[in-house]
Amino acid sequence: MEVEPVAHRSPSIPRQTTGITAELAEQRARLRAAAPDDRWDDVLSEVRRLQATQGLSPLDALKAVHAKLASGWVPPAH
């Protein structure tokens, strides 16, 4: 009995992520672009803090910190 592969992706076609993984990657890239270069670790600390203290999902925490940065917030150095 011969079995054909379910899916075969040509090496020349780039892989595209979809769903929540793509949303997380896109939001993280937006946050990275908005964050001060020397404060990236502090921005990520704020994302983790919001997740822990407010019970936000990773995507919602990224969006919340992005909104804070857009409103002029600068993360304190840790």
N, C-alpha and C. Protein backbone atom coordinates (compact mmCIF):
# COMPACT_ATOMS: atom_id res chain seq x y z
N MET A 1 0.83 -1.16 0.00
CA MET A 1 0.00 0.00 0.00
C MET A 1 0.89 1.24 0.00
N GLU A 2 0.58 2.18 -0.88
CA GLU A 2 1.33 3.42 -0.98
C GLU A 2 0.61 4.52 -0.20
N VAL A 3 1.40 5.32 0.50
CA VAL A 3 0.83 6.44 1.26
C VAL A 3 1.45 7.72 0.74
N GLU A 4 0.58 8.66 0.37
CA GLU A 4 1.06 9.96 -0.10
C GLU A 4 1.14 10.93 1.07
N PRO A 5 2.09 11.83 1.03
CA PRO A 5 2.19 12.80 2.12
C PRO A 5 0.94 13.69 2.16
N VAL A 6 0.57 14.09 3.36
CA VAL A 6 -0.61 14.93 3.54
C VAL A 6 -0.38 16.31 2.95
N ALA A 7 0.75 16.86 3.20
CA ALA A 7 1.07 18.20 2.69
C ALA A 7 2.54 18.25 2.34
N HIS A 8 2.81 18.92 1.28
CA HIS A 8 4.20 19.11 0.87
C HIS A 8 4.36 20.58 0.53
N ARG A 9 5.29 21.21 1.22
CA ARG A 9 5.53 22.63 1.02
C ARG A 9 6.82 22.79 0.25
N SER A 10 6.74 23.53 -0.81
CA SER A 10 7.93 23.81 -1.59
C SER A 10 8.88 24.65 -0.77
N PRO A 11 10.18 24.38 -0.81
CA PRO A 11 11.15 25.17 -0.05
C PRO A 11 11.16 26.65 -0.46
N SER A 12 10.68 26.96 -1.64
CA SER A 12 10.70 28.35 -2.09
C SER A 12 9.51 29.16 -1.55
N ILE A 13 8.52 28.48 -0.99
CA ILE A 13 7.37 29.18 -0.43
C ILE A 13 7.60 29.38 1.06
N PRO A 14 7.66 30.64 1.53
CA PRO A 14 7.91 30.87 2.95
C PRO A 14 6.74 30.40 3.82
N ARG A 15 7.06 29.95 4.98
CA ARG A 15 6.03 29.49 5.92
C ARG A 15 5.30 30.71 6.49
N GLN A 16 3.99 30.61 6.57
CA GLN A 16 3.19 31.70 7.12
C GLN A 16 2.49 31.21 8.37
N THR A 17 2.64 31.99 9.44
CA THR A 17 1.94 31.64 10.66
C THR A 17 0.57 32.30 10.66
N THR A 18 -0.36 31.64 11.29
CA THR A 18 -1.72 32.16 11.35
C THR A 18 -2.23 32.07 12.77
N GLY A 19 -3.35 32.68 13.01
CA GLY A 19 -3.99 32.57 14.31
C GLY A 19 -3.28 33.36 15.38
N ILE A 20 -3.39 32.87 16.61
CA ILE A 20 -2.87 33.58 17.76
C ILE A 20 -1.35 33.71 17.72
N THR A 21 -0.66 32.74 17.17
CA THR A 21 0.80 32.82 17.06
C THR A 21 1.20 34.02 16.22
N ALA A 22 0.53 34.21 15.10
CA ALA A 22 0.82 35.35 14.23
C ALA A 22 0.48 36.66 14.92
N GLU A 23 -0.63 36.69 15.65
CA GLU A 23 -1.02 37.91 16.37
C GLU A 23 0.01 38.27 17.44
N LEU A 24 0.47 37.26 18.17
CA LEU A 24 1.49 37.50 19.19
C LEU A 24 2.78 38.03 18.57
N ALA A 25 3.20 37.42 17.49
CA ALA A 25 4.43 37.85 16.81
C ALA A 25 4.29 39.27 16.28
N GLU A 26 3.14 39.57 15.71
CA GLU A 26 2.91 40.91 15.16
C GLU A 26 2.87 41.96 16.28
N GLN A 27 2.18 41.66 17.36
CA GLN A 27 2.09 42.62 18.46
C GLN A 27 3.44 42.80 19.14
N ARG A 28 4.20 41.73 19.28
CA ARG A 28 5.54 41.84 19.88
C ARG A 28 6.45 42.71 19.00
N ALA A 29 6.34 42.56 17.68
CA ALA A 29 7.14 43.38 16.77
C ALA A 29 6.75 44.85 16.88
N ARG A 30 5.45 45.12 17.00
CA ARG A 30 4.99 46.51 17.17
C ARG A 30 5.51 47.10 18.47
N LEU A 31 5.45 46.29 19.53
CA LEU A 31 5.93 46.75 20.83
C LEU A 31 7.42 47.01 20.77
N ARG A 32 8.15 46.14 20.12
CA ARG A 32 9.61 46.31 19.99
C ARG A 32 9.95 47.59 19.25
N ALA A 33 9.19 47.89 18.21
CA ALA A 33 9.43 49.10 17.43
C ALA A 33 9.12 50.36 18.25
N ALA A 34 8.16 50.27 19.16
CA ALA A 34 7.76 51.43 19.95
C ALA A 34 8.62 51.62 21.20
N ALA A 35 9.28 50.57 21.63
CA ALA A 35 10.05 50.62 22.87
C ALA A 35 11.38 51.33 22.67
N PRO A 36 11.80 52.08 23.69
CA PRO A 36 13.15 52.66 23.63
C PRO A 36 14.19 51.54 23.53
N ASP A 37 15.18 51.74 22.69
CA ASP A 37 16.18 50.69 22.46
C ASP A 37 16.83 50.18 23.74
N ASP A 38 17.13 51.09 24.65
CA ASP A 38 17.84 50.69 25.87
C ASP A 38 16.91 50.21 26.98
N ARG A 39 15.61 50.12 26.71
CA ARG A 39 14.65 49.72 27.74
C ARG A 39 13.83 48.48 27.37
N TRP A 40 14.25 47.72 26.37
CA TRP A 40 13.47 46.56 25.93
C TRP A 40 13.22 45.57 27.06
N ASP A 41 14.24 45.28 27.85
CA ASP A 41 14.07 44.34 28.97
C ASP A 41 13.07 44.87 29.99
N ASP A 42 13.08 46.18 30.21
CA ASP A 42 12.14 46.79 31.14
C ASP A 42 10.71 46.75 30.60
N VAL A 43 10.57 46.90 29.29
CA VAL A 43 9.25 46.81 28.65
C VAL A 43 8.72 45.38 28.82
N LEU A 44 9.56 44.39 28.59
CA LEU A 44 9.14 43.00 28.76
C LEU A 44 8.79 42.70 30.22
N SER A 45 9.50 43.32 31.14
CA SER A 45 9.18 43.15 32.57
C SER A 45 7.78 43.68 32.87
N GLU A 46 7.41 44.78 32.24
CA GLU A 46 6.08 45.33 32.43
C GLU A 46 5.02 44.41 31.84
N VAL A 47 5.30 43.80 30.72
CA VAL A 47 4.38 42.83 30.13
C VAL A 47 4.16 41.68 31.11
N ARG A 48 5.24 41.14 31.65
CA ARG A 48 5.13 40.03 32.60
C ARG A 48 4.41 40.46 33.88
N ARG A 49 4.67 41.68 34.33
CA ARG A 49 4.01 42.19 35.54
C ARG A 49 2.50 42.26 35.34
N LEU A 50 2.07 42.77 34.20
CA LEU A 50 0.65 42.88 33.93
C LEU A 50 0.00 41.49 33.84
N GLN A 51 0.71 40.55 33.27
CA GLN A 51 0.18 39.19 33.20
C GLN A 51 -0.01 38.62 34.61
N ALA A 52 0.97 38.85 35.47
CA ALA A 52 0.93 38.28 36.81
C ALA A 52 -0.07 39.00 37.72
N THR A 53 -0.08 40.32 37.69
CA THR A 53 -0.90 41.07 38.64
C THR A 53 -2.33 41.28 38.18
N GLN A 54 -2.53 41.38 36.86
CA GLN A 54 -3.87 41.65 36.36
C GLN A 54 -4.48 40.45 35.63
N GLY A 55 -3.73 39.38 35.53
CA GLY A 55 -4.24 38.17 34.90
C GLY A 55 -4.50 38.32 33.41
N LEU A 56 -3.75 39.20 32.76
CA LEU A 56 -3.92 39.41 31.32
C LEU A 56 -3.29 38.27 30.52
N SER A 57 -3.87 37.99 29.38
CA SER A 57 -3.26 37.02 28.46
C SER A 57 -1.99 37.65 27.89
N PRO A 58 -1.10 36.85 27.34
CA PRO A 58 0.11 37.43 26.74
C PRO A 58 -0.21 38.49 25.68
N LEU A 59 -1.19 38.22 24.83
CA LEU A 59 -1.54 39.19 23.78
C LEU A 59 -2.10 40.47 24.39
N ASP A 60 -2.98 40.35 25.36
CA ASP A 60 -3.56 41.55 25.99
C ASP A 60 -2.51 42.35 26.74
N ALA A 61 -1.56 41.67 27.37
CA ALA A 61 -0.49 42.38 28.09
C ALA A 61 0.40 43.13 27.10
N LEU A 62 0.72 42.52 25.97
CA LEU A 62 1.51 43.21 24.96
C LEU A 62 0.78 44.45 24.45
N LYS A 63 -0.52 44.32 24.20
CA LYS A 63 -1.31 45.46 23.73
C LYS A 63 -1.38 46.56 24.78
N ALA A 64 -1.54 46.18 26.03
CA ALA A 64 -1.63 47.17 27.10
C ALA A 64 -0.34 47.97 27.24
N VAL A 65 0.78 47.29 27.18
CA VAL A 65 2.07 47.98 27.30
C VAL A 65 2.32 48.84 26.07
N HIS A 66 1.91 48.38 24.91
CA HIS A 66 2.05 49.19 23.70
C HIS A 66 1.24 50.48 23.84
N ALA A 67 0.03 50.37 24.36
CA ALA A 67 -0.81 51.55 24.57
C ALA A 67 -0.16 52.51 25.57
N LYS A 68 0.46 51.95 26.62
CA LYS A 68 1.15 52.80 27.59
C LYS A 68 2.30 53.55 26.93
N LEU A 69 3.08 52.85 26.11
CA LEU A 69 4.19 53.50 25.42
C LEU A 69 3.69 54.59 24.47
N ALA A 70 2.58 54.31 23.79
CA ALA A 70 2.02 55.29 22.85
C ALA A 70 1.53 56.54 23.56
N SER A 71 1.15 56.40 24.83
CA SER A 71 0.67 57.56 25.58
C SER A 71 1.80 58.32 26.28
N GLY A 72 3.05 57.88 26.06
CA GLY A 72 4.19 58.61 26.61
C GLY A 72 4.86 57.95 27.80
N TRP A 73 4.35 56.82 28.25
CA TRP A 73 4.95 56.12 29.38
C TRP A 73 6.35 55.65 29.03
N VAL A 74 7.28 55.81 29.95
CA VAL A 74 8.63 55.28 29.79
C VAL A 74 8.86 54.32 30.95
N PRO A 75 9.27 53.09 30.65
CA PRO A 75 9.43 52.11 31.73
C PRO A 75 10.59 52.51 32.66
N PRO A 76 10.37 52.31 33.95
CA PRO A 76 11.48 52.56 34.88
C PRO A 76 12.56 51.51 34.70
N ALA A 77 13.78 51.90 34.89
CA ALA A 77 14.90 50.94 34.78
C ALA A 77 14.87 50.00 35.97
N HIS A 78 15.09 48.72 35.73
CA HIS A 78 15.13 47.73 36.82
C HIS A 78 16.53 47.28 37.06
